[in-house]
Amino acid sequence: MKFKKNQYFYQKQALFMRHYLYILFIGFVLSLTSCRQDFEFEPSSGGLEFSKQTVYLDTVFTNIGSSTYTLKVYNNSDKDIKIPTLQLAEGQNSKYRLMVDGIPGKVFNNVELLAKDSMFIFIETTIDYSEYANPDSEYLYTDKIEFHNISGAPQTVDLVTLVRDAYFLYPKRFGDGTTETLPIGGEEIYGFYLDHNDPANGDEYEWINDKPYVIYGYAAVPDNEILNIHPGAKIHFHADSGLIIGSNATINSNGTPSTYDVDGNVIEDNEVVFESDRLEPDFADVPGQWGTIWMTLNSNGKFNNTTIKNATVGLLIDKNTGTLNMTNVQIYNCSNYGILAKTATIDGKNVVINNCGQAGLACSLGGDYNFTHCTFANYWPRPNQVPVSIDNGDGTAPFALVNANFTNCIIYGSSSYGISLKKEGNLFDYNFRNCLIKFFDFGQFESDPLYPIANTTDYTNCIIARNSTTNKPDFLNPTNNRLIIGEDSAAKGTADFSFSTGTSDILNKERFGPLSDMGAYNFIIFE
């Protein structure tokens, strides 16, 4: 019996193994058939489709790499195909670089693409402008991506890049491998002093408009020197870069009004612009791309017809000896402050600030401020921000708020309060005259003598917007920094014209009496 049981057991085990091997064999055959079918690619006969017919790599500065751009290629047929050759038309001589299926190069052979599938091609470029120099300081570089097939001419996608020449300002590299630095607050930062006789740029204290300036690190104007920025000059800062004005040094940003044709197109661009060196449209309004313009203790200057955008702090102003004059100045998209003034003296006319992470204008640690026909908006997408904040530090004499006068201004934003005031002691002198101010109070400041609900003395003829339906500024598109007011604005015709006589708005349009509009812009009728 024992032998029969063992024989029966071994027979069952042998039968099980035969079934298992049979199933395994069938699975192996099917897998071979499936793999063989998956890799039966046939040469492409064309018919590919693309996410774009032209890839614009936007504008780059000479010898600075572009961002990475993408092209999506679709095989909408029912067949697995093999593209015989995918290449740049200029081949290895092209200034563009491709990444196909994770492999970098400029020419690719037998690129496989499954039926009803797609693939990404990544595109970059770095171009030396000097190889294509022309009198206009710009060069349009083009190439094509070619997708060859067995049916005839290759399918193509155009590549286009505008290359700009520029003045490049950056710290010098010394023979021992170190680089130039600036002593700031007991530390050394990556930066350099301007040079009257730079071998490449000439006099770096005269910024002209024949081509842009690109700055790496912090450019410094030494004590007692003067930086003159000519009409139409464009200044671009790399990440963690900026401009420092030394003690008793002066910055003069001498922009003038631009001219336009009857259709509103710029004929002559005379404005001075400070911005990032990222020129792609996706970076046009990104805050915090560079540092700041820092006017240090006892520095001086003026800003006329000037735009500052996408900084961490647009203007950082320590106590200045003279008055900083600002006329027709726009400051946008600063991750912290548009203007952070510390015990400063500023006279501003037609100043516009919007979209700043903490405050558009911060008059901090006292000072002496006069702003006329200005628009201080703040539509930063988070609630903890204000258009205007004012404080006098600890209230002692060195931080006295001598004056903070706002006349014919609009102070409005996306948060509930247009102003934030912090007073210590009695050295706090401020006045708002004929201003439109947003102040949605829910009882918190109802009896606070600093604010307009309980205080009429310091808010002469002001219009207070206390809810979302009345006394609106009627901005054209504040999120996108278009702060022109419309016909339904509460600021229309409500300014004190005695402060408007003989002036023009920020677009150089004359203000007419006997009534004028609050803010930096005359109203227009929106179409």
Protein backbone atom coordinates (compact mmCIF):
# COMPACT_ATOMS: atom_id res chain seq x y z
CA MET A 1 0.00 0.00 0.00
CA LYS A 2 2.75 2.37 0.77
CA PHE A 3 4.33 1.82 -2.68
CA LYS A 4 0.96 2.35 -4.46
CA LYS A 5 0.36 5.61 -2.61
CA ASN A 6 3.79 6.94 -3.58
CA GLN A 7 3.28 5.86 -7.21
CA TYR A 8 -0.11 7.67 -7.33
CA PHE A 9 1.46 10.77 -5.82
CA TYR A 10 4.28 10.84 -8.37
CA GLN A 11 1.85 10.31 -11.26
CA LYS A 12 -0.25 13.32 -10.12
CA GLN A 13 2.87 15.45 -9.74
CA ALA A 14 4.08 14.51 -13.24
CA LEU A 15 0.66 15.38 -14.72
CA PHE A 16 0.69 18.75 -12.92
CA MET A 17 4.17 19.54 -14.23
CA ARG A 18 3.12 18.68 -17.83
CA HIS A 19 0.14 21.09 -17.55
CA TYR A 20 2.32 23.79 -15.99
CA LEU A 21 4.97 23.49 -18.72
CA TYR A 22 2.28 23.57 -21.41
CA ILE A 23 0.75 26.79 -19.99
CA LEU A 24 4.21 28.33 -19.60
CA PHE A 25 5.04 27.47 -23.22
CA ILE A 26 1.77 29.01 -24.51
CA GLY A 27 2.48 32.19 -22.50
CA PHE A 28 6.01 32.36 -23.85
CA VAL A 29 4.82 32.00 -27.44
CA LEU A 30 2.17 34.70 -26.95
CA SER A 31 4.69 37.06 -25.40
CA LEU A 32 7.06 36.54 -28.31
CA THR A 33 4.23 37.21 -30.76
CA SER A 34 3.19 40.33 -28.87
CA CYS A 35 6.75 41.72 -28.69
CA ARG A 36 7.34 41.00 -32.34
CA GLN A 37 4.13 42.85 -33.22
CA ASP A 38 5.02 45.86 -30.99
CA PHE A 39 8.34 46.37 -32.74
CA GLU A 40 7.17 45.99 -36.30
CA PHE A 41 7.73 49.64 -37.18
CA GLU A 42 7.41 50.77 -40.75
CA PRO A 43 9.10 53.86 -42.23
CA SER A 44 7.13 57.07 -41.89
CA SER A 45 5.32 58.24 -45.00
CA GLY A 46 4.59 61.66 -43.49
CA GLY A 47 1.31 62.76 -41.94
CA LEU A 48 2.80 63.74 -38.59
CA GLU A 49 1.05 66.53 -36.70
CA PHE A 50 2.62 69.10 -34.40
CA SER A 51 1.58 71.20 -31.41
CA LYS A 52 3.12 74.24 -33.15
CA GLN A 53 4.14 74.95 -36.69
CA THR A 54 6.62 77.57 -35.48
CA VAL A 55 8.46 77.52 -32.15
CA TYR A 56 9.39 81.03 -31.04
CA LEU A 57 12.24 80.92 -28.55
CA ASP A 58 11.54 84.58 -27.86
CA THR A 59 14.43 86.98 -27.26
CA VAL A 60 17.81 86.05 -25.83
CA PHE A 61 20.93 88.05 -25.12
CA THR A 62 24.11 87.10 -26.90
CA ASN A 63 25.89 84.07 -25.39
CA ILE A 64 23.17 83.53 -22.75
CA GLY A 65 21.27 80.26 -22.95
CA SER A 66 17.54 80.31 -23.58
CA SER A 67 14.85 78.60 -21.59
CA THR A 68 13.77 75.13 -22.70
CA TYR A 69 10.86 75.06 -25.14
CA THR A 70 8.76 72.06 -26.14
CA LEU A 71 7.30 70.71 -29.34
CA LYS A 72 4.86 67.81 -29.27
CA VAL A 73 4.80 65.44 -32.25
CA TYR A 74 1.69 63.29 -32.90
CA ASN A 75 1.36 60.03 -34.82
CA ASN A 76 -2.41 59.86 -35.32
CA SER A 77 -2.24 56.91 -37.71
CA ASP A 78 -2.98 53.26 -36.84
CA LYS A 79 0.58 52.22 -37.63
CA ASP A 80 3.74 52.14 -35.57
CA ILE A 81 6.21 54.24 -37.52
CA LYS A 82 9.91 54.92 -37.65
CA ILE A 83 11.05 58.40 -38.68
CA PRO A 84 14.15 57.74 -40.84
CA THR A 85 15.82 61.03 -39.92
CA LEU A 86 14.83 63.77 -37.49
CA GLN A 87 17.27 66.65 -37.63
CA LEU A 88 17.94 70.36 -37.55
CA ALA A 89 18.16 71.68 -41.11
CA GLU A 90 21.59 73.17 -40.39
CA GLY A 91 22.70 69.91 -38.85
CA GLN A 92 25.65 70.05 -36.48
CA ASN A 93 26.22 73.71 -37.37
CA SER A 94 22.88 74.77 -35.92
CA LYS A 95 22.79 77.01 -32.86
CA TYR A 96 19.77 75.09 -31.57
CA ARG A 97 19.96 71.96 -29.43
CA LEU A 98 17.37 69.17 -29.28
CA MET A 99 16.46 66.47 -26.80
CA VAL A 100 14.58 63.53 -28.34
CA ASP A 101 13.60 60.51 -26.23
CA GLY A 102 16.00 61.67 -23.54
CA ILE A 103 18.95 61.83 -25.94
CA PRO A 104 20.60 65.19 -26.76
CA GLY A 105 21.74 65.95 -30.27
CA LYS A 106 21.05 67.67 -33.56
CA VAL A 107 20.57 64.68 -35.90
CA PHE A 108 18.62 61.52 -34.96
CA ASN A 109 18.03 58.38 -37.04
CA ASN A 110 15.20 55.83 -36.92
CA VAL A 111 13.12 57.57 -34.29
CA GLU A 112 10.23 55.27 -33.33
CA LEU A 113 6.70 56.46 -32.59
CA LEU A 114 3.81 54.13 -31.73
CA ALA A 115 0.38 54.34 -33.35
CA LYS A 116 -1.93 56.95 -31.78
CA ASP A 117 0.97 58.13 -29.66
CA SER A 118 3.05 61.29 -29.29
CA MET A 119 6.47 62.42 -28.16
CA PHE A 120 8.07 65.60 -26.83
CA ILE A 121 11.04 67.35 -28.38
CA PHE A 122 12.86 69.83 -26.11
CA ILE A 123 14.59 72.80 -27.73
CA GLU A 124 17.23 75.25 -26.46
CA THR A 125 19.70 77.68 -27.96
CA THR A 126 22.75 79.79 -27.16
CA ILE A 127 23.80 82.25 -29.85
CA ASP A 128 26.84 84.49 -30.19
CA TYR A 129 25.52 87.74 -31.61
CA SER A 130 28.96 88.77 -32.87
CA GLU A 131 28.82 86.03 -35.51
CA TYR A 132 25.83 87.75 -37.10
CA ALA A 133 26.51 91.41 -36.23
CA ASN A 134 24.35 94.05 -37.87
CA PRO A 135 23.85 97.78 -37.26
CA ASP A 136 20.53 97.36 -35.47
CA SER A 137 21.98 95.45 -32.48
CA GLU A 138 19.43 92.66 -33.07
CA TYR A 139 19.56 89.55 -35.21
CA LEU A 140 16.77 87.14 -36.11
CA TYR A 141 18.17 83.62 -36.07
CA THR A 142 16.12 80.83 -37.68
CA ASP A 143 16.37 77.12 -38.42
CA LYS A 144 13.98 74.19 -38.97
CA ILE A 145 13.41 70.76 -37.50
CA GLU A 146 13.07 68.31 -40.40
CA PHE A 147 11.05 65.07 -40.15
CA HIS A 148 12.08 62.94 -43.12
CA ASN A 149 9.86 60.26 -44.65
CA ILE A 150 9.75 57.90 -47.63
CA SER A 151 7.08 59.84 -49.53
CA GLY A 152 8.93 62.98 -50.52
CA ALA A 153 9.94 66.28 -48.96
CA PRO A 154 10.35 66.29 -45.17
CA GLN A 155 7.82 67.85 -42.87
CA THR A 156 9.25 70.87 -41.05
CA VAL A 157 8.71 73.00 -37.97
CA ASP A 158 10.29 76.48 -37.94
CA LEU A 159 12.48 77.73 -35.08
CA VAL A 160 12.82 81.48 -34.54
CA THR A 161 14.89 83.45 -32.01
CA LEU A 162 15.62 87.16 -31.74
CA VAL A 163 19.18 87.73 -30.51
CA ARG A 164 20.15 91.01 -28.86
CA ASP A 165 23.56 92.44 -28.36
CA ALA A 166 24.13 94.05 -24.95
CA TYR A 167 26.58 95.71 -22.60
CA PHE A 168 27.48 93.12 -19.95
CA LEU A 169 28.49 94.42 -16.52
CA TYR A 170 29.83 91.90 -14.01
CA PRO A 171 32.51 91.38 -11.33
CA LYS A 172 36.05 91.01 -12.60
CA ARG A 173 37.84 87.70 -12.21
CA PHE A 174 41.37 87.96 -10.83
CA GLY A 175 44.44 85.90 -11.67
CA ASP A 176 44.24 83.89 -8.46
CA GLY A 177 40.74 82.64 -9.38
CA THR A 178 38.82 84.97 -7.04
CA THR A 179 36.22 87.48 -8.21
CA GLU A 180 35.51 91.08 -7.33
CA THR A 181 33.23 91.64 -4.32
CA LEU A 182 31.67 94.59 -2.49
CA PRO A 183 31.97 95.19 1.27
CA ILE A 184 28.41 95.50 2.60
CA GLY A 185 27.61 95.44 6.33
CA GLY A 186 30.80 93.64 7.29
CA GLU A 187 30.33 91.03 4.57
CA GLU A 188 31.47 90.66 0.99
CA ILE A 189 28.78 90.28 -1.68
CA TYR A 190 29.11 89.34 -5.34
CA GLY A 191 29.39 92.74 -6.98
CA PHE A 192 31.63 95.40 -8.51
CA TYR A 193 32.22 99.13 -8.86
CA LEU A 194 31.47 100.89 -12.11
CA ASP A 195 34.44 102.02 -14.16
CA HIS A 196 34.93 105.25 -16.12
CA ASN A 197 37.24 103.47 -18.56
CA ASP A 198 36.09 99.88 -18.87
CA PRO A 199 37.89 98.17 -21.79
CA ALA A 200 34.66 96.70 -23.20
CA ASN A 201 31.96 99.15 -22.14
CA GLY A 202 33.71 102.51 -22.01
CA ASP A 203 32.35 104.94 -19.42
CA GLU A 204 30.07 102.84 -17.21
CA TYR A 205 28.69 105.97 -15.52
CA GLU A 206 26.78 106.90 -18.71
CA TRP A 207 24.17 104.30 -19.62
CA ILE A 208 23.01 104.97 -23.16
CA ASN A 209 20.25 103.48 -25.29
CA ASP A 210 22.01 101.93 -28.30
CA LYS A 211 21.75 98.48 -26.72
CA PRO A 212 20.57 97.01 -23.38
CA TYR A 213 22.63 96.59 -20.22
CA VAL A 214 22.78 93.17 -18.55
CA ILE A 215 24.06 93.17 -14.96
CA TYR A 216 25.42 90.21 -12.98
CA GLY A 217 25.84 90.75 -9.26
CA TYR A 218 25.43 94.18 -7.67
CA ALA A 219 26.73 97.14 -9.66
CA ALA A 220 27.85 99.91 -7.30
CA VAL A 221 28.16 103.66 -7.83
CA PRO A 222 31.00 104.65 -5.47
CA ASP A 223 30.74 107.52 -3.00
CA ASN A 224 30.46 110.97 -4.62
CA GLU A 225 30.06 109.60 -8.17
CA ILE A 226 27.10 110.21 -10.53
CA LEU A 227 25.33 107.60 -12.67
CA ASN A 228 23.42 109.11 -15.60
CA ILE A 229 20.91 106.89 -17.38
CA HIS A 230 19.90 108.27 -20.77
CA PRO A 231 16.38 108.30 -22.26
CA GLY A 232 15.36 104.92 -23.64
CA ALA A 233 18.01 102.90 -21.79
CA LYS A 234 16.98 99.35 -20.80
CA ILE A 235 18.65 97.69 -17.82
CA HIS A 236 18.31 93.96 -17.15
CA PHE A 237 19.38 92.28 -13.91
CA HIS A 238 20.29 88.63 -13.51
CA ALA A 239 18.98 86.74 -10.48
CA ASP A 240 20.37 88.05 -7.16
CA SER A 241 21.63 91.21 -8.83
CA GLY A 242 20.90 94.90 -8.45
CA LEU A 243 22.24 98.43 -8.22
CA ILE A 244 23.75 100.21 -5.20
CA ILE A 245 24.15 103.98 -4.93
CA GLY A 246 26.92 104.93 -2.48
CA SER A 247 27.08 107.72 0.09
CA ASN A 248 26.76 111.17 -1.53
CA ALA A 249 26.53 109.42 -4.89
CA THR A 250 23.72 110.23 -7.31
CA ILE A 251 21.52 108.31 -9.72
CA ASN A 252 19.71 110.19 -12.47
CA SER A 253 17.25 108.05 -14.42
CA ASN A 254 16.52 110.51 -17.21
CA GLY A 255 13.67 108.95 -19.13
CA THR A 256 11.44 111.20 -21.22
CA PRO A 257 7.90 110.64 -22.57
CA SER A 258 7.68 108.20 -25.46
CA THR A 259 5.99 109.18 -28.71
CA TYR A 260 3.19 107.24 -30.39
CA ASP A 261 1.43 107.09 -33.76
CA VAL A 262 -2.33 107.50 -34.21
CA ASP A 263 -2.86 103.78 -33.51
CA GLY A 264 -0.99 103.90 -30.20
CA ASN A 265 2.15 102.18 -31.47
CA VAL A 266 5.46 103.40 -30.05
CA ILE A 267 7.42 105.55 -32.48
CA GLU A 268 10.21 106.43 -30.07
CA ASP A 269 10.67 104.56 -26.80
CA ASN A 270 12.25 107.07 -24.42
CA GLU A 271 11.37 105.44 -21.10
CA VAL A 272 14.04 103.96 -18.84
CA VAL A 273 13.23 100.39 -17.76
CA PHE A 274 14.76 98.27 -14.97
CA GLU A 275 13.78 94.60 -15.14
CA SER A 276 15.00 91.00 -15.18
CA ASP A 277 17.19 89.48 -17.89
CA ARG A 278 14.54 86.81 -18.51
CA LEU A 279 12.86 88.07 -21.67
CA GLU A 280 10.39 85.26 -22.27
CA PRO A 281 6.68 86.21 -22.03
CA ASP A 282 6.17 83.68 -19.21
CA PHE A 283 8.50 85.80 -17.05
CA ALA A 284 7.06 89.19 -18.00
CA ASP A 285 5.20 89.62 -14.68
CA VAL A 286 6.97 87.25 -12.30
CA PRO A 287 7.93 89.01 -9.01
CA GLY A 288 11.29 88.69 -7.28
CA GLN A 289 13.49 87.90 -10.27
CA TRP A 290 16.25 90.28 -9.12
CA GLY A 291 17.21 92.24 -6.01
CA THR A 292 16.77 95.98 -5.70
CA ILE A 293 17.96 99.49 -6.51
CA TRP A 294 19.45 100.41 -3.14
CA MET A 295 20.01 104.08 -2.38
CA THR A 296 22.23 103.94 0.66
CA LEU A 297 22.65 106.50 3.44
CA ASN A 298 23.11 110.06 2.09
CA SER A 299 22.63 109.12 -1.57
CA ASN A 300 20.64 111.28 -3.98
CA GLY A 301 18.85 111.12 -7.28
CA LYS A 302 15.83 111.41 -9.50
CA PHE A 303 13.69 109.05 -11.54
CA ASN A 304 11.76 110.43 -14.50
CA ASN A 305 9.65 108.38 -16.94
CA THR A 306 11.00 105.16 -15.47
CA THR A 307 9.58 101.67 -14.96
CA ILE A 308 10.89 99.23 -12.35
CA LYS A 309 9.40 95.74 -12.33
CA ASN A 310 9.76 92.17 -11.11
CA ALA A 311 12.23 92.98 -8.30
CA THR A 312 12.30 91.88 -4.68
CA VAL A 313 12.20 95.55 -3.60
CA GLY A 314 11.88 98.07 -6.41
CA LEU A 315 13.51 100.98 -4.59
CA LEU A 316 15.19 100.62 -1.20
CA ILE A 317 15.91 104.11 0.11
CA ASP A 318 17.88 104.80 3.27
CA LYS A 319 18.00 108.30 4.73
CA ASN A 320 18.93 110.57 1.83
CA THR A 321 20.48 114.00 2.25
CA GLY A 322 18.48 115.71 -0.51
CA THR A 323 15.05 115.07 -1.95
CA LEU A 324 14.56 112.09 -4.21
CA ASN A 325 12.39 113.37 -7.05
CA MET A 326 10.13 110.92 -8.87
CA THR A 327 7.98 111.87 -11.86
CA ASN A 328 6.08 109.46 -14.10
CA VAL A 329 7.41 106.34 -12.38
CA GLN A 330 5.83 102.89 -12.52
CA ILE A 331 6.78 100.07 -10.14
CA TYR A 332 5.17 96.64 -10.55
CA ASN A 333 5.37 93.05 -9.37
CA CYS A 334 7.79 93.26 -6.44
CA SER A 335 7.81 90.27 -4.12
CA ASN A 336 8.24 92.47 -1.00
CA TYR A 337 7.92 96.24 -1.53
CA GLY A 338 7.59 98.59 -4.45
CA ILE A 339 9.29 101.39 -2.48
CA LEU A 340 10.74 100.76 0.98
CA ALA A 341 11.78 104.19 2.27
CA LYS A 342 13.57 104.48 5.63
CA THR A 343 13.64 107.99 7.08
CA ALA A 344 13.76 109.22 3.49
CA THR A 345 12.79 112.42 1.73
CA ILE A 346 10.73 111.89 -1.43
CA ASP A 347 8.72 114.11 -3.73
CA GLY A 348 6.63 112.04 -6.12
CA LYS A 349 4.29 113.00 -8.96
CA ASN A 350 2.46 110.55 -11.20
CA VAL A 351 3.90 107.56 -9.35
CA VAL A 352 2.10 104.24 -9.94
CA ILE A 353 2.73 101.11 -7.85
CA ASN A 354 0.91 97.77 -7.96
CA ASN A 355 1.23 94.07 -7.11
CA CYS A 356 3.69 93.96 -4.20
CA GLY A 357 3.88 91.22 -1.60
CA GLN A 358 3.92 93.40 1.54
CA ALA A 359 3.28 97.04 0.61
CA GLY A 360 3.39 99.10 -2.54
CA LEU A 361 4.78 102.15 -0.72
CA ALA A 362 6.27 101.80 2.77
CA CYS A 363 7.21 105.09 4.44
CA SER A 364 9.08 103.52 7.33
CA LEU A 365 11.00 104.97 10.28
CA GLY A 366 9.60 108.44 9.64
CA GLY A 367 10.80 110.82 6.98
CA ASP A 368 9.38 113.55 4.75
CA TYR A 369 7.08 112.56 1.89
CA ASN A 370 4.94 114.42 -0.62
CA PHE A 371 2.99 112.53 -3.27
CA THR A 372 0.69 114.23 -5.77
CA HIS A 373 -1.51 112.60 -8.41
CA CYS A 374 -0.22 109.11 -7.62
CA THR A 375 -1.93 105.73 -7.89
CA PHE A 376 -1.00 103.30 -5.13
CA ALA A 377 -2.78 100.04 -5.87
CA ASN A 378 -2.04 96.57 -4.60
CA TYR A 379 -3.74 93.55 -6.14
CA TRP A 380 -1.25 90.99 -4.86
CA PRO A 381 -3.07 87.63 -4.83
CA ARG A 382 -2.73 87.12 -1.07
CA PRO A 383 -4.56 89.21 1.55
CA ASN A 384 -1.73 90.36 3.83
CA GLN A 385 -0.69 93.41 1.86
CA VAL A 386 -1.57 97.10 1.58
CA PRO A 387 -1.01 99.81 -1.00
CA VAL A 388 0.49 102.27 1.55
CA SER A 389 1.99 101.75 5.01
CA ILE A 390 3.43 104.48 7.24
CA ASP A 391 5.26 104.29 10.58
CA ASN A 392 7.61 106.37 12.71
CA GLY A 393 9.64 103.59 14.26
CA ASP A 394 9.92 103.93 18.03
CA GLY A 395 8.60 107.51 17.96
CA THR A 396 11.89 109.18 18.89
CA ALA A 397 13.19 112.30 17.14
CA PRO A 398 15.49 110.53 14.63
CA PHE A 399 12.42 108.76 13.24
CA ALA A 400 10.00 111.67 13.22
CA LEU A 401 7.39 111.60 10.48
CA VAL A 402 7.93 115.21 9.43
CA ASN A 403 5.37 115.01 6.61
CA ALA A 404 3.42 112.38 4.77
CA ASN A 405 1.23 114.36 2.38
CA PHE A 406 -0.90 112.61 -0.21
CA THR A 407 -2.81 114.87 -2.59
CA ASN A 408 -5.14 113.80 -5.44
CA CYS A 409 -4.08 110.18 -5.01
CA ILE A 410 -5.87 106.83 -5.38
CA ILE A 411 -5.05 104.29 -2.67
CA TYR A 412 -6.89 101.06 -3.36
CA GLY A 413 -6.29 97.32 -3.58
CA SER A 414 -7.66 93.81 -3.20
CA SER A 415 -7.40 93.71 0.60
CA SER A 416 -9.81 95.51 2.92
CA TYR A 417 -7.55 98.43 3.80
CA GLY A 418 -5.74 100.87 1.54
CA ILE A 419 -3.55 102.26 4.34
CA SER A 420 -1.77 100.95 7.40
CA LEU A 421 -0.60 103.53 9.98
CA LYS A 422 1.56 102.81 13.02
CA LYS A 423 2.21 105.75 15.32
CA GLU A 424 4.47 105.94 18.36
CA GLY A 425 4.60 109.16 20.39
CA ASN A 426 3.58 112.44 18.79
CA LEU A 427 6.06 112.94 15.93
CA PHE A 428 3.63 111.78 13.29
CA ASP A 429 2.42 114.42 10.81
CA TYR A 430 0.33 113.19 7.88
CA ASN A 431 -2.46 114.42 5.64
CA PHE A 432 -4.59 113.01 2.83
CA ARG A 433 -6.26 115.61 0.59
CA ASN A 434 -8.75 114.79 -2.17
CA CYS A 435 -7.79 111.13 -2.19
CA LEU A 436 -9.83 108.02 -2.95
CA ILE A 437 -9.01 105.52 -0.20
CA LYS A 438 -10.29 102.00 0.27
CA PHE A 439 -11.16 101.27 3.91
CA PHE A 440 -13.55 98.39 4.54
CA ASP A 441 -13.78 98.49 8.30
CA PHE A 442 -15.81 96.01 10.32
CA GLY A 443 -15.60 97.80 13.66
CA GLN A 444 -11.91 97.30 14.34
CA PHE A 445 -10.86 100.88 13.52
CA GLU A 446 -14.18 102.67 13.97
CA SER A 447 -12.91 104.83 16.83
CA ASP A 448 -9.21 104.84 15.93
CA PRO A 449 -8.12 108.50 15.50
CA LEU A 450 -5.53 107.57 12.89
CA TYR A 451 -8.07 106.41 10.33
CA PRO A 452 -10.74 108.19 8.26
CA ILE A 453 -13.84 106.87 10.03
CA ALA A 454 -13.08 108.72 13.26
CA ASN A 455 -10.74 111.35 11.79
CA THR A 456 -11.83 113.96 9.23
CA THR A 457 -9.13 116.53 10.01
CA ASP A 458 -6.33 114.58 8.32
CA TYR A 459 -8.51 113.37 5.42
CA THR A 460 -9.54 116.61 3.70
CA ASN A 461 -12.21 116.10 0.99
CA CYS A 462 -11.31 112.42 0.72
CA ILE A 463 -13.62 109.79 -0.73
CA ILE A 464 -13.62 106.68 1.42
CA ALA A 465 -14.66 103.40 -0.19
CA ARG A 466 -16.27 101.52 2.70
CA ASN A 467 -17.81 98.67 0.71
CA SER A 468 -17.38 96.88 -2.59
CA THR A 469 -20.20 98.58 -4.47
CA THR A 470 -19.58 102.32 -4.00
CA ASN A 471 -16.69 104.70 -4.63
CA LYS A 472 -14.81 102.31 -6.88
CA PRO A 473 -11.78 103.44 -8.89
CA ASP A 474 -12.97 101.59 -12.02
CA PHE A 475 -9.48 100.47 -13.05
CA LEU A 476 -9.18 99.02 -16.54
CA ASN A 477 -7.41 95.78 -15.47
CA PRO A 478 -5.61 96.11 -12.13
CA THR A 479 -4.41 92.50 -11.97
CA ASN A 480 -2.38 93.19 -15.11
CA ASN A 481 -1.20 96.62 -13.94
CA ARG A 482 -3.56 98.56 -16.18
CA LEU A 483 -4.63 101.25 -13.76
CA ILE A 484 -6.21 103.79 -16.08
CA ILE A 485 -9.55 104.84 -14.62
CA GLY A 486 -12.84 104.64 -16.50
CA GLU A 487 -15.79 106.95 -16.87
CA ASP A 488 -17.53 105.45 -13.81
CA SER A 489 -14.59 106.02 -11.47
CA ALA A 490 -15.17 107.82 -8.18
CA ALA A 491 -11.81 109.48 -8.87
CA LYS A 492 -13.12 111.20 -12.01
CA GLY A 493 -13.36 114.99 -11.59
CA THR A 494 -12.83 114.91 -7.82
CA ALA A 495 -9.23 116.12 -7.52
CA ASP A 496 -8.18 119.51 -6.18
CA PHE A 497 -7.27 121.33 -9.40
CA SER A 498 -5.03 123.82 -7.60
CA PHE A 499 -2.52 120.97 -7.41
CA SER A 500 -3.14 119.96 -11.06
CA THR A 501 -2.66 123.27 -12.84
CA GLY A 502 -0.10 123.08 -15.61
CA THR A 503 0.50 119.35 -15.17
CA SER A 504 -0.01 116.29 -17.37
CA ASP A 505 -0.85 112.74 -16.42
CA ILE A 506 1.58 109.86 -16.63
CA LEU A 507 0.69 109.37 -20.32
CA ASN A 508 1.62 113.00 -20.98
CA LYS A 509 -2.03 114.06 -21.41
CA GLU A 510 -2.78 117.53 -20.07
CA ARG A 511 -4.99 117.96 -17.02
CA PHE A 512 -7.77 120.47 -17.63
CA GLY A 513 -9.66 122.59 -15.08
CA PRO A 514 -11.66 123.45 -13.22
CA LEU A 515 -11.90 119.74 -12.37
CA SER A 516 -9.26 117.04 -12.71
CA ASP A 517 -9.06 113.35 -11.89
CA MET A 518 -7.44 111.75 -8.88
CA GLY A 519 -4.54 109.43 -9.48
CA ALA A 520 -1.80 109.31 -12.09
CA TYR A 521 -4.13 108.84 -15.09
CA ASN A 522 -6.82 110.96 -16.66
CA PHE A 523 -9.97 108.91 -17.17
CA ILE A 524 -10.78 107.35 -20.53
CA ILE A 525 -13.93 105.77 -21.92
CA PHE A 526 -13.37 102.02 -22.12
CA GLU A 527 -14.49 100.41 -25.36
